Amino acid sequence: CSGASVIFLIHADIFNLKDIVDKVKASGKTVLIHIDFLEGL
């Protein structure tokens, strides 16, 4: 909902990652995942 057009997903896990990325992309915003902090992969 913010004015930011790019979102860095800093923390996520194997259970919520795909849903979050899909949700951000569906909003028309750009999403990048910080892979160093992913849990479960």
Full PDB file with SEQRES, HELIX, SHEET, SSBOND, CRYST1, ORIGX, SCALE, CONECT and MASTER records, all heavy atoms in Angstrom:
SEQRES   1 A   41  CYS SER GLY ALA SER VAL ILE PHE LEU ILE HIS ALA ASP          
SEQRES   2 A   41  ILE PHE ASN LEU LYS ASP ILE VAL ASP LYS VAL LYS ALA          
SEQRES   3 A   41  SER GLY LYS THR VAL LEU ILE HIS ILE ASP PHE LEU GLU          
SEQRES   4 A   41  GLY LEU                                                      
HELIX    1 AA1 LEU A   17  ALA A   26  1                                  10    
HELIX    2 AA2 ILE A   35  PHE A   37  5                                   3    
SHEET    1 AA1 2 VAL A   6  LEU A   9  0                                        
SHEET    2 AA1 2 THR A  30  ILE A  33  1                                        
SHEET    1 AA2 2 ALA A  12  ASP A  13  0                                        
SHEET    2 AA2 2 LEU A  38  GLU A  39  1                                        
CRYST1    1.000    1.000    1.000  90.00  90.00  90.00 P 1           1          
ORIGX1      1.000000  0.000000  0.000000        0.00000                         
ORIGX2      0.000000  1.000000  0.000000        0.00000                         
ORIGX3      0.000000  0.000000  1.000000        0.00000                         
SCALE1      1.000000  0.000000  0.000000        0.00000                         
SCALE2      0.000000  1.000000  0.000000        0.00000                         
SCALE3      0.000000  0.000000  1.000000        0.00000                         
ATOM      1  N   CYS A   1       0.809  -1.225   0.000  1.00  0.00           N  
ATOM      2  CA  CYS A   1       0.000   0.000   0.000  1.00  0.00           C  
ATOM      3  C   CYS A   1       0.842   1.276   0.000  1.00  0.00           C  
ATOM      4  O   CYS A   1       0.306   2.366  -0.204  1.00  0.00           O  
ATOM      5  CB  CYS A   1      -0.947   0.014   1.197  1.00  0.00           C  
ATOM      6  SG  CYS A   1      -2.226  -1.254   1.093  1.00  0.00           S  
ATOM      7  N   SER A   2       2.129   1.147   0.215  1.00  0.00           N  
ATOM      8  CA  SER A   2       3.006   2.323   0.270  1.00  0.00           C  
ATOM      9  C   SER A   2       3.297   2.828  -1.141  1.00  0.00           C  
ATOM     10  O   SER A   2       2.945   2.199  -2.138  1.00  0.00           O  
ATOM     11  CB  SER A   2       4.317   1.963   0.971  1.00  0.00           C  
ATOM     12  OG  SER A   2       5.163   1.222   0.104  1.00  0.00           O  
ATOM     13  N   GLY A   3       4.006   3.931  -1.185  1.00  0.00           N  
ATOM     14  CA  GLY A   3       4.412   4.489  -2.467  1.00  0.00           C  
ATOM     15  C   GLY A   3       5.604   3.781  -3.090  1.00  0.00           C  
ATOM     16  O   GLY A   3       5.927   4.018  -4.249  1.00  0.00           O  
ATOM     17  N   ALA A   4       6.259   2.896  -2.337  1.00  0.00           N  
ATOM     18  CA  ALA A   4       7.427   2.189  -2.860  1.00  0.00           C  
ATOM     19  C   ALA A   4       7.017   1.266  -4.004  1.00  0.00           C  
ATOM     20  O   ALA A   4       6.032   0.546  -3.908  1.00  0.00           O  
ATOM     21  CB  ALA A   4       8.090   1.374  -1.747  1.00  0.00           C  
ATOM     22  N   SER A   5       7.784   1.302  -5.085  1.00  0.00           N  
ATOM     23  CA  SER A   5       7.482   0.417  -6.211  1.00  0.00           C  
ATOM     24  C   SER A   5       8.335  -0.848  -6.192  1.00  0.00           C  
ATOM     25  O   SER A   5       8.053  -1.794  -6.913  1.00  0.00           O  
ATOM     26  CB  SER A   5       7.660   1.160  -7.535  1.00  0.00           C  
ATOM     27  OG  SER A   5       8.954   1.698  -7.640  1.00  0.00           O  
ATOM     28  N   VAL A   6       9.377  -0.848  -5.344  1.00  0.00           N  
ATOM     29  CA  VAL A   6      10.242  -2.019  -5.186  1.00  0.00           C  
ATOM     30  C   VAL A   6      10.198  -2.454  -3.724  1.00  0.00           C  
ATOM     31  O   VAL A   6      10.279  -1.632  -2.818  1.00  0.00           O  
ATOM     32  CB  VAL A   6      11.704  -1.705  -5.589  1.00  0.00           C  
ATOM     33  CG1 VAL A   6      12.606  -2.905  -5.336  1.00  0.00           C  
ATOM     34  CG2 VAL A   6      11.776  -1.284  -7.055  1.00  0.00           C  
ATOM     35  N   ILE A   7      10.063  -3.761  -3.525  1.00  0.00           N  
ATOM     36  CA  ILE A   7      10.021  -4.331  -2.182  1.00  0.00           C  
ATOM     37  C   ILE A   7      11.135  -5.362  -2.044  1.00  0.00           C  
ATOM     38  O   ILE A   7      11.273  -6.250  -2.883  1.00  0.00           O  
ATOM     39  CB  ILE A   7       8.642  -4.980  -1.896  1.00  0.00           C  
ATOM     40  CG1 ILE A   7       7.553  -3.903  -1.923  1.00  0.00           C  
ATOM     41  CG2 ILE A   7       8.659  -5.732  -0.566  1.00  0.00           C  
ATOM     42  CD1 ILE A   7       6.138  -4.434  -1.825  1.00  0.00           C  
ATOM     43  N   PHE A   8      11.943  -5.199  -0.993  1.00  0.00           N  
ATOM     44  CA  PHE A   8      12.937  -6.197  -0.633  1.00  0.00           C  
ATOM     45  C   PHE A   8      12.321  -7.043   0.468  1.00  0.00           C  
ATOM     46  O   PHE A   8      11.974  -6.525   1.526  1.00  0.00           O  
ATOM     47  CB  PHE A   8      14.209  -5.559  -0.086  1.00  0.00           C  
ATOM     48  CG  PHE A   8      15.117  -4.923  -1.106  1.00  0.00           C  
ATOM     49  CD1 PHE A   8      14.827  -4.909  -2.458  1.00  0.00           C  
ATOM     50  CD2 PHE A   8      16.298  -4.325  -0.682  1.00  0.00           C  
ATOM     51  CE1 PHE A   8      15.678  -4.316  -3.378  1.00  0.00           C  
ATOM     52  CE2 PHE A   8      17.158  -3.736  -1.585  1.00  0.00           C  
ATOM     53  CZ  PHE A   8      16.858  -3.725  -2.932  1.00  0.00           C  
ATOM     54  N   LEU A   9      12.170  -8.322   0.223  1.00  0.00           N  
ATOM     55  CA  LEU A   9      11.687  -9.253   1.233  1.00  0.00           C  
ATOM     56  C   LEU A   9      12.909  -9.773   1.983  1.00  0.00           C  
ATOM     57  O   LEU A   9      13.671 -10.588   1.472  1.00  0.00           O  
ATOM     58  CB  LEU A   9      10.901 -10.382   0.584  1.00  0.00           C  
ATOM     59  CG  LEU A   9      10.230 -11.375   1.508  1.00  0.00           C  
ATOM     60  CD1 LEU A   9       9.283 -10.686   2.484  1.00  0.00           C  
ATOM     61  CD2 LEU A   9       9.477 -12.423   0.693  1.00  0.00           C  
ATOM     62  N   ILE A  10      13.095  -9.257   3.198  1.00  0.00           N  
ATOM     63  CA  ILE A  10      14.304  -9.558   3.962  1.00  0.00           C  
ATOM     64  C   ILE A  10      14.192 -10.896   4.691  1.00  0.00           C  
ATOM     65  O   ILE A  10      15.131 -11.679   4.697  1.00  0.00           O  
ATOM     66  CB  ILE A  10      14.620  -8.420   4.963  1.00  0.00           C  
ATOM     67  CG1 ILE A  10      14.700  -7.065   4.240  1.00  0.00           C  
ATOM     68  CG2 ILE A  10      15.894  -8.713   5.747  1.00  0.00           C  
ATOM     69  CD1 ILE A  10      15.776  -6.968   3.180  1.00  0.00           C  
ATOM     70  N   HIS A  11      13.049 -11.153   5.307  1.00  0.00           N  
ATOM     71  CA  HIS A  11      12.852 -12.412   6.033  1.00  0.00           C  
ATOM     72  C   HIS A  11      11.603 -13.109   5.515  1.00  0.00           C  
ATOM     73  O   HIS A  11      10.568 -12.476   5.334  1.00  0.00           O  
ATOM     74  CB  HIS A  11      12.681 -12.168   7.544  1.00  0.00           C  
ATOM     75  CG  HIS A  11      13.919 -11.677   8.209  1.00  0.00           C  
ATOM     76  ND1 HIS A  11      14.954 -12.510   8.538  1.00  0.00           N  
ATOM     77  CD2 HIS A  11      14.287 -10.446   8.607  1.00  0.00           C  
ATOM     78  CE1 HIS A  11      15.914 -11.799   9.105  1.00  0.00           C  
ATOM     79  NE2 HIS A  11      15.533 -10.541   9.153  1.00  0.00           N  
ATOM     80  N   ALA A  12      11.726 -14.401   5.292  1.00  0.00           N  
ATOM     81  CA  ALA A  12      10.595 -15.236   4.908  1.00  0.00           C  
ATOM     82  C   ALA A  12      11.010 -16.685   5.151  1.00  0.00           C  
ATOM     83  O   ALA A  12      12.155 -16.966   5.505  1.00  0.00           O  
ATOM     84  CB  ALA A  12      10.223 -15.024   3.436  1.00  0.00           C  
ATOM     85  N   ASP A  13      10.074 -17.585   4.959  1.00  0.00           N  
ATOM     86  CA  ASP A  13      10.403 -18.995   5.113  1.00  0.00           C  
ATOM     87  C   ASP A  13       9.745 -19.798   4.011  1.00  0.00           C  
ATOM     88  O   ASP A  13       8.954 -19.276   3.224  1.00  0.00           O  
ATOM     89  CB  ASP A  13      10.025 -19.502   6.514  1.00  0.00           C  
ATOM     90  CG  ASP A  13       8.535 -19.445   6.794  1.00  0.00           C  
ATOM     91  OD1 ASP A  13       7.735 -19.943   5.974  1.00  0.00           O  
ATOM     92  OD2 ASP A  13       8.164 -18.912   7.863  1.00  0.00           O  
ATOM     93  N   ILE A  14      10.072 -21.053   3.979  1.00  0.00           N  
ATOM     94  CA  ILE A  14       9.612 -21.933   2.906  1.00  0.00           C  
ATOM     95  C   ILE A  14       8.081 -22.013   2.839  1.00  0.00           C  
ATOM     96  O   ILE A  14       7.516 -22.252   1.784  1.00  0.00           O  
ATOM     97  CB  ILE A  14      10.251 -23.331   3.050  1.00  0.00           C  
ATOM     98  CG1 ILE A  14      10.081 -24.136   1.774  1.00  0.00           C  
ATOM     99  CG2 ILE A  14       9.722 -24.042   4.276  1.00  0.00           C  
ATOM    100  CD1 ILE A  14      10.904 -25.398   1.726  1.00  0.00           C  
ATOM    101  N   PHE A  15       7.403 -21.747   3.966  1.00  0.00           N  
ATOM    102  CA  PHE A  15       5.950 -21.848   3.990  1.00  0.00           C  
ATOM    103  C   PHE A  15       5.246 -20.594   3.484  1.00  0.00           C  
ATOM    104  O   PHE A  15       4.126 -20.690   2.993  1.00  0.00           O  
ATOM    105  CB  PHE A  15       5.459 -22.177   5.402  1.00  0.00           C  
ATOM    106  CG  PHE A  15       5.879 -23.546   5.852  1.00  0.00           C  
ATOM    107  CD1 PHE A  15       6.878 -23.695   6.797  1.00  0.00           C  
ATOM    108  CD2 PHE A  15       5.299 -24.685   5.316  1.00  0.00           C  
ATOM    109  CE1 PHE A  15       7.286 -24.956   7.202  1.00  0.00           C  
ATOM    110  CE2 PHE A  15       5.706 -25.951   5.710  1.00  0.00           C  
ATOM    111  CZ  PHE A  15       6.701 -26.093   6.660  1.00  0.00           C  
ATOM    112  N   ASN A  16       5.863 -19.415   3.611  1.00  0.00           N  
ATOM    113  CA  ASN A  16       5.156 -18.201   3.197  1.00  0.00           C  
ATOM    114  C   ASN A  16       5.772 -17.514   1.985  1.00  0.00           C  
ATOM    115  O   ASN A  16       5.178 -16.593   1.427  1.00  0.00           O  
ATOM    116  CB  ASN A  16       5.065 -17.200   4.366  1.00  0.00           C  
ATOM    117  CG  ASN A  16       6.408 -16.695   4.861  1.00  0.00           C  
ATOM    118  OD1 ASN A  16       7.434 -16.851   4.228  1.00  0.00           O  
ATOM    119  ND2 ASN A  16       6.390 -16.055   6.022  1.00  0.00           N  
ATOM    120  N   LEU A  17       6.913 -17.939   1.547  1.00  0.00           N  
ATOM    121  CA  LEU A  17       7.657 -17.255   0.500  1.00  0.00           C  
ATOM    122  C   LEU A  17       6.882 -17.102  -0.810  1.00  0.00           C  
ATOM    123  O   LEU A  17       6.750 -15.996  -1.343  1.00  0.00           O  
ATOM    124  CB  LEU A  17       8.979 -17.986   0.250  1.00  0.00           C  
ATOM    125  CG  LEU A  17       9.937 -17.371  -0.744  1.00  0.00           C  
ATOM    126  CD1 LEU A  17      10.342 -15.971  -0.312  1.00  0.00           C  
ATOM    127  CD2 LEU A  17      11.166 -18.251  -0.911  1.00  0.00           C  
ATOM    128  N   LYS A  18       6.359 -18.180  -1.338  1.00  0.00           N  
ATOM    129  CA  LYS A  18       5.659 -18.124  -2.637  1.00  0.00           C  
ATOM    130  C   LYS A  18       4.423 -17.237  -2.547  1.00  0.00           C  
ATOM    131  O   LYS A  18       4.187 -16.402  -3.442  1.00  0.00           O  
ATOM    132  CB  LYS A  18       5.278 -19.525  -3.108  1.00  0.00           C  
ATOM    133  CG  LYS A  18       4.478 -19.524  -4.417  1.00  0.00           C  
ATOM    134  CD  LYS A  18       5.222 -20.182  -5.517  1.00  0.00           C  
ATOM    135  CE  LYS A  18       4.426 -20.291  -6.792  1.00  0.00           C  
ATOM    136  NZ  LYS A  18       4.533 -19.110  -7.638  1.00  0.00           N  
ATOM    137  N   ASP A  19       3.638 -17.380  -1.475  1.00  0.00           N  
ATOM    138  CA  ASP A  19       2.434 -16.550  -1.330  1.00  0.00           C  
ATOM    139  C   ASP A  19       2.779 -15.065  -1.271  1.00  0.00           C  
ATOM    140  O   ASP A  19       2.098 -14.240  -1.890  1.00  0.00           O  
ATOM    141  CB  ASP A  19       1.646 -16.947  -0.078  1.00  0.00           C  
ATOM    142  CG  ASP A  19       0.983 -18.315  -0.206  1.00  0.00           C  
ATOM    143  OD1 ASP A  19       0.796 -18.789  -1.354  1.00  0.00           O  
ATOM    144  OD2 ASP A  19       0.668 -18.904   0.841  1.00  0.00           O  
ATOM    145  N   ILE A  20       3.841 -14.717  -0.542  1.00  0.00           N  
ATOM    146  CA  ILE A  20       4.228 -13.315  -0.425  1.00  0.00           C  
ATOM    147  C   ILE A  20       4.696 -12.778  -1.779  1.00  0.00           C  
ATOM    148  O   ILE A  20       4.277 -11.696  -2.210  1.00  0.00           O  
ATOM    149  CB  ILE A  20       5.322 -13.122   0.642  1.00  0.00           C  
ATOM    150  CG1 ILE A  20       4.762 -13.422   2.041  1.00  0.00           C  
ATOM    151  CG2 ILE A  20       5.886 -11.701   0.585  1.00  0.00           C  
ATOM    152  CD1 ILE A  20       5.827 -13.481   3.123  1.00  0.00           C  
ATOM    153  N   VAL A  21       5.550 -13.512  -2.457  1.00  0.00           N  
ATOM    154  CA  VAL A  21       6.052 -13.067  -3.760  1.00  0.00           C  
ATOM    155  C   VAL A  21       4.896 -12.913  -4.743  1.00  0.00           C  
ATOM    156  O   VAL A  21       4.795 -11.904  -5.452  1.00  0.00           O  
ATOM    157  CB  VAL A  21       7.141 -14.017  -4.294  1.00  0.00           C  
ATOM    158  CG1 VAL A  21       7.461 -13.727  -5.753  1.00  0.00           C  
ATOM    159  CG2 VAL A  21       8.397 -13.910  -3.438  1.00  0.00           C  
ATOM    160  N   ASP A  22       3.994 -13.889  -4.783  1.00  0.00           N  
ATOM    161  CA  ASP A  22       2.844 -13.801  -5.687  1.00  0.00           C  
ATOM    162  C   ASP A  22       1.971 -12.593  -5.366  1.00  0.00           C  
ATOM    163  O   ASP A  22       1.484 -11.904  -6.272  1.00  0.00           O  
ATOM    164  CB  ASP A  22       2.002 -15.081  -5.621  1.00  0.00           C  
ATOM    165  CG  ASP A  22       2.700 -16.278  -6.259  1.00  0.00           C  
ATOM    166  OD1 ASP A  22       3.724 -16.094  -6.958  1.00  0.00           O  
ATOM    167  OD2 ASP A  22       2.216 -17.414  -6.033  1.00  0.00           O  
ATOM    168  N   LYS A  23       1.774 -12.317  -4.093  1.00  0.00           N  
ATOM    169  CA  LYS A  23       0.945 -11.183  -3.672  1.00  0.00           C  
ATOM    170  C   LYS A  23       1.570  -9.857  -4.095  1.00  0.00           C  
ATOM    171  O   LYS A  23       0.887  -8.970  -4.602  1.00  0.00           O  
ATOM    172  CB  LYS A  23       0.760 -11.224  -2.150  1.00  0.00           C  
ATOM    173  CG  LYS A  23      -0.185 -10.193  -1.604  1.00  0.00           C  
ATOM    174  CD  LYS A  23      -0.382 -10.417  -0.103  1.00  0.00           C  
ATOM    175  CE  LYS A  23      -1.524  -9.598   0.423  1.00  0.00           C  
ATOM    176  NZ  LYS A  23      -1.802  -9.869   1.835  1.00  0.00           N  
ATOM    177  N   VAL A  24       2.868  -9.733  -3.899  1.00  0.00           N  
ATOM    178  CA  VAL A  24       3.552  -8.496  -4.293  1.00  0.00           C  
ATOM    179  C   VAL A  24       3.501  -8.322  -5.803  1.00  0.00           C  
ATOM    180  O   VAL A  24       3.182  -7.237  -6.305  1.00  0.00           O  
ATOM    181  CB  VAL A  24       5.011  -8.477  -3.787  1.00  0.00           C  
ATOM    182  CG1 VAL A  24       5.768  -7.283  -4.358  1.00  0.00           C  
ATOM    183  CG2 VAL A  24       5.058  -8.457  -2.264  1.00  0.00           C  
ATOM    184  N   LYS A  25       3.785  -9.377  -6.534  1.00  0.00           N  
ATOM    185  CA  LYS A  25       3.774  -9.276  -7.993  1.00  0.00           C  
ATOM    186  C   LYS A  25       2.367  -8.970  -8.520  1.00  0.00           C  
ATOM    187  O   LYS A  25       2.221  -8.191  -9.460  1.00  0.00           O  
ATOM    188  CB  LYS A  25       4.340 -10.556  -8.610  1.00  0.00           C  
ATOM    189  CG  LYS A  25       5.852 -10.674  -8.379  1.00  0.00           C  
ATOM    190  CD  LYS A  25       6.426 -11.938  -8.934  1.00  0.00           C  
ATOM    191  CE  LYS A  25       6.755 -11.731 -10.390  1.00  0.00           C  
ATOM    192  NZ  LYS A  25       7.492 -12.868 -10.964  1.00  0.00           N  
ATOM    193  N   ALA A  26       1.333  -9.542  -7.879  1.00  0.00           N  
ATOM    194  CA  ALA A  26      -0.044  -9.269  -8.291  1.00  0.00           C  
ATOM    195  C   ALA A  26      -0.412  -7.801  -8.071  1.00  0.00           C  
ATOM    196  O   ALA A  26      -1.278  -7.262  -8.769  1.00  0.00           O  
ATOM    197  CB  ALA A  26      -1.014 -10.179  -7.540  1.00  0.00           C  
ATOM    198  N   SER A  27       0.262  -7.152  -7.129  1.00  0.00           N  
ATOM    199  CA  SER A  27      -0.007  -5.738  -6.864  1.00  0.00           C  
ATOM    200  C   SER A  27       0.662  -4.830  -7.896  1.00  0.00           C  
ATOM    201  O   SER A  27       0.451  -3.623  -7.890  1.00  0.00           O  
ATOM    202  CB  SER A  27       0.481  -5.361  -5.457  1.00  0.00           C  
ATOM    203  OG  SER A  27       1.893  -5.219  -5.437  1.00  0.00           O  
ATOM    204  N   GLY A  28       1.498  -5.411  -8.743  1.00  0.00           N  
ATOM    205  CA  GLY A  28       2.193  -4.629  -9.758  1.00  0.00           C  
ATOM    206  C   GLY A  28       3.540  -4.099  -9.304  1.00  0.00           C  
ATOM    207  O   GLY A  28       4.204  -3.366 -10.028  1.00  0.00           O  
ATOM    208  N   LYS A  29       3.954  -4.485  -8.096  1.00  0.00           N  
ATOM    209  CA  LYS A  29       5.240  -4.019  -7.575  1.00  0.00           C  
ATOM    210  C   LYS A  29       6.324  -5.058  -7.853  1.00  0.00           C  
ATOM    211  O   LYS A  29       6.038  -6.215  -8.159  1.00  0.00           O  
ATOM    212  CB  LYS A  29       5.127  -3.737  -6.078  1.00  0.00           C  
ATOM    213  CG  LYS A  29       4.084  -2.648  -5.818  1.00  0.00           C  
ATOM    214  CD  LYS A  29       4.236  -1.976  -4.519  1.00  0.00           C  
ATOM    215  CE  LYS A  29       3.154  -0.906  -4.408  1.00  0.00           C  
ATOM    216  NZ  LYS A  29       3.584   0.228  -3.647  1.00  0.00           N  
ATOM    217  N   THR A  30       7.548  -4.615  -7.742  1.00  0.00           N  
ATOM    218  CA  THR A  30       8.710  -5.457  -7.971  1.00  0.00           C  
ATOM    219  C   THR A  30       9.172  -6.028  -6.635  1.00  0.00           C  
ATOM    220  O   THR A  30       9.220  -5.313  -5.643  1.00  0.00           O  
ATOM    221  CB  THR A  30       9.827  -4.603  -8.604  1.00  0.00           C  
ATOM    222  OG1 THR A  30       9.330  -4.042  -9.818  1.00  0.00           O  
ATOM    223  CG2 THR A  30      11.056  -5.422  -8.892  1.00  0.00           C  
ATOM    224  N   VAL A  31       9.528  -7.323  -6.619  1.00  0.00           N  
ATOM    225  CA  VAL A  31       9.946  -7.957  -5.366  1.00  0.00           C  
ATOM    226  C   VAL A  31      11.253  -8.719  -5.560  1.00  0.00           C  
ATOM    227  O   VAL A  31      11.424  -9.455  -6.525  1.00  0.00           O  
ATOM    228  CB  VAL A  31       8.847  -8.893  -4.803  1.00  0.00           C  
ATOM    229  CG1 VAL A  31       8.514 -10.025  -5.757  1.00  0.00           C  
ATOM    230  CG2 VAL A  31       9.223  -9.428  -3.432  1.00  0.00           C  
ATOM    231  N   LEU A  32      12.168  -8.473  -4.630  1.00  0.00           N  
ATOM    232  CA  LEU A  32      13.429  -9.192  -4.587  1.00  0.00           C  
ATOM    233  C   LEU A  32      13.537  -9.871  -3.231  1.00  0.00           C  
ATOM    234  O   LEU A  32      13.139  -9.302  -2.217  1.00  0.00           O  
ATOM    235  CB  LEU A  32      14.618  -8.250  -4.785  1.00  0.00           C  
ATOM    236  CG  LEU A  32      14.721  -7.682  -6.202  1.00  0.00           C  
ATOM    237  CD1 LEU A  32      14.073  -6.333  -6.283  1.00  0.00           C  
ATOM    238  CD2 LEU A  32      16.161  -7.627  -6.635  1.00  0.00           C  
ATOM    239  N   ILE A  33      14.098 -11.069  -3.224  1.00  0.00           N  
ATOM    240  CA  ILE A  33      14.225 -11.859  -2.002  1.00  0.00           C  
ATOM    241  C   ILE A  33      15.673 -11.819  -1.521  1.00  0.00           C  
ATOM    242  O   ILE A  33      16.595 -12.107  -2.294  1.00  0.00           O  
ATOM    243  CB  ILE A  33      13.840 -13.331  -2.257  1.00  0.00           C  
ATOM    244  CG1 ILE A  33      12.411 -13.449  -2.746  1.00  0.00           C  
ATOM    245  CG2 ILE A  33      14.057 -14.165  -1.004  1.00  0.00           C  
ATOM    246  CD1 ILE A  33      12.086 -14.841  -3.261  1.00  0.00           C  
ATOM    247  N   HIS A  34      15.851 -11.491  -0.244  1.00  0.00           N  
ATOM    248  CA  HIS A  34      17.189 -11.581   0.362  1.00  0.00           C  
ATOM    249  C   HIS A  34      17.372 -13.048   0.753  1.00  0.00           C  
ATOM    250  O   HIS A  34      16.833 -13.497   1.762  1.00  0.00           O  
ATOM    251  CB  HIS A  34      17.297 -10.663   1.574  1.00  0.00           C  
ATOM    252  CG  HIS A  34      18.708 -10.433   1.987  1.00  0.00           C  
ATOM    253  ND1 HIS A  34      19.625 -11.446   2.154  1.00  0.00           N  
ATOM    254  CD2 HIS A  34      19.378  -9.289   2.236  1.00  0.00           C  
ATOM    255  CE1 HIS A  34      20.781 -10.945   2.497  1.00  0.00           C  
ATOM    256  NE2 HIS A  34      20.661  -9.623   2.558  1.00  0.00           N  
ATOM    257  N   ILE A  35      18.128 -13.775  -0.041  1.00  0.00           N  
ATOM    258  CA  ILE A  35      18.205 -15.225   0.142  1.00  0.00           C  
ATOM    259  C   ILE A  35      19.053 -15.645   1.333  1.00  0.00           C  
ATOM    260  O   ILE A  35      18.942 -16.783   1.790  1.00  0.00           O  
ATOM    261  CB  ILE A  35      18.652 -15.950  -1.145  1.00  0.00           C  
ATOM    262  CG1 ILE A  35      20.055 -15.530  -1.566  1.00  0.00           C  
ATOM    263  CG2 ILE A  35      17.661 -15.691  -2.261  1.00  0.00           C  
ATOM    264  CD1 ILE A  35      20.615 -16.337  -2.735  1.00  0.00           C  
ATOM    265  N   ASP A  36      19.862 -14.741   1.867  1.00  0.00           N  
ATOM    266  CA  ASP A  36      20.690 -15.105   3.023  1.00  0.00           C  
ATOM    267  C   ASP A  36      19.847 -15.379   4.263  1.00  0.00           C  
ATOM    268  O   ASP A  36      20.287 -16.090   5.166  1.00  0.00           O  
ATOM    269  CB  ASP A  36      21.698 -13.998   3.353  1.00  0.00           C  
ATOM    270  CG  ASP A  36      22.688 -13.730   2.236  1.00  0.00           C  
ATOM    271  OD1 ASP A  36      22.645 -14.411   1.193  1.00  0.00           O  
ATOM    272  OD2 ASP A  36      23.511 -12.807   2.406  1.00  0.00           O  
ATOM    273  N   PHE A  37      18.656 -14.788   4.325  1.00  0.00           N  
ATOM    274  CA  PHE A  37      17.829 -14.896   5.523  1.00  0.00           C  
ATOM    275  C   PHE A  37      16.621 -15.815   5.363  1.00  0.00           C  
ATOM    276  O   PHE A  37      15.767 -15.846   6.236  1.00  0.00           O  
ATOM    277  CB  PHE A  37      17.348 -13.510   5.962  1.00  0.00           C  
ATOM    278  CG  PHE A  37      18.463 -12.572   6.322  1.00  0.00           C  
ATOM    279  CD1 PHE A  37      18.587 -11.353   5.699  1.00  0.00           C  
ATOM    280  CD2 PHE A  37      19.404 -12.927   7.287  1.00  0.00           C  
ATOM    281  CE1 PHE A  37      19.610 -10.487   6.033  1.00  0.00           C  
ATOM    282  CE2 PHE A  37      20.436 -12.069   7.618  1.00  0.00           C  
ATOM    283  CZ  PHE A  37      20.541 -10.840   6.989  1.00  0.00           C  
ATOM    284  N   LEU A  38      16.544 -16.539   4.268  1.00  0.00           N  
ATOM    285  CA  LEU A  38      15.425 -17.464   4.080  1.00  0.00           C  
ATOM    286  C   LEU A  38      15.541 -18.642   5.033  1.00  0.00           C  
ATOM    287  O   LEU A  38      16.623 -19.211   5.199  1.00  0.00           O  
ATOM    288  CB  LEU A  38      15.402 -18.006   2.653  1.00  0.00           C  
ATOM    289  CG  LEU A  38      14.920 -17.063   1.578  1.00  0.00           C  
ATOM    290  CD1 LEU A  38      14.990 -17.759   0.216  1.00  0.00           C  
ATOM    291  CD2 LEU A  38      13.517 -16.585   1.849  1.00  0.00           C  
ATOM    292  N   GLU A  39      14.427 -19.007   5.618  1.00  0.00           N  
ATOM    293  CA  GLU A  39      14.411 -20.164   6.504  1.00  0.00           C  
ATOM    294  C   GLU A  39      13.791 -21.357   5.778  1.00  0.00           C  
ATOM    295  O   GLU A  39      12.811 -21.216   5.059  1.00  0.00           O  
ATOM    296  CB  GLU A  39      13.602 -19.850   7.757  1.00  0.00           C  
ATOM    297  CG  GLU A  39      14.247 -18.769   8.619  1.00  0.00           C  
ATOM    298  CD  GLU A  39      13.444 -18.493   9.863  1.00  0.00           C  
ATOM    299  OE1 GLU A  39      12.994 -19.450  10.522  1.00  0.00           O  
ATOM    300  OE2 GLU A  39      13.264 -17.302  10.176  1.00  0.00           O  
ATOM    301  N   GLY A  40      14.386 -22.509   5.957  1.00  0.00           N  
ATOM    302  CA  GLY A  40      13.831 -23.733   5.408  1.00  0.00           C  
ATOM    303  C   GLY A  40      14.382 -24.125   4.051  1.00  0.00           C  
ATOM    304  O   GLY A  40      14.048 -25.176   3.526  1.00  0.00           O  
ATOM    305  N   LEU A  41      15.213 -23.283   3.471  1.00  0.00           N  
ATOM    306  CA  LEU A  41      15.876 -23.614   2.207  1.00  0.00           C  
ATOM    307  C   LEU A  41      17.375 -23.642   2.452  1.00  0.00           C  
ATOM    308  O   LEU A  41      17.895 -22.849   3.237  1.00  0.00           O  
ATOM    309  CB  LEU A  41      15.571 -22.573   1.130  1.00  0.00           C  
ATOM    310  CG  LEU A  41      14.177 -22.594   0.530  1.00  0.00           C  
ATOM    311  CD1 LEU A  41      13.999 -21.426  -0.435  1.00  0.00           C  
ATOM    312  CD2 LEU A  41      13.921 -23.900  -0.205  1.00  0.00           C  
TER     313      LEU A  41                                                      
MASTER        0    0    0    2    4    0    0    6  312    1    0    4          
END                                                                             
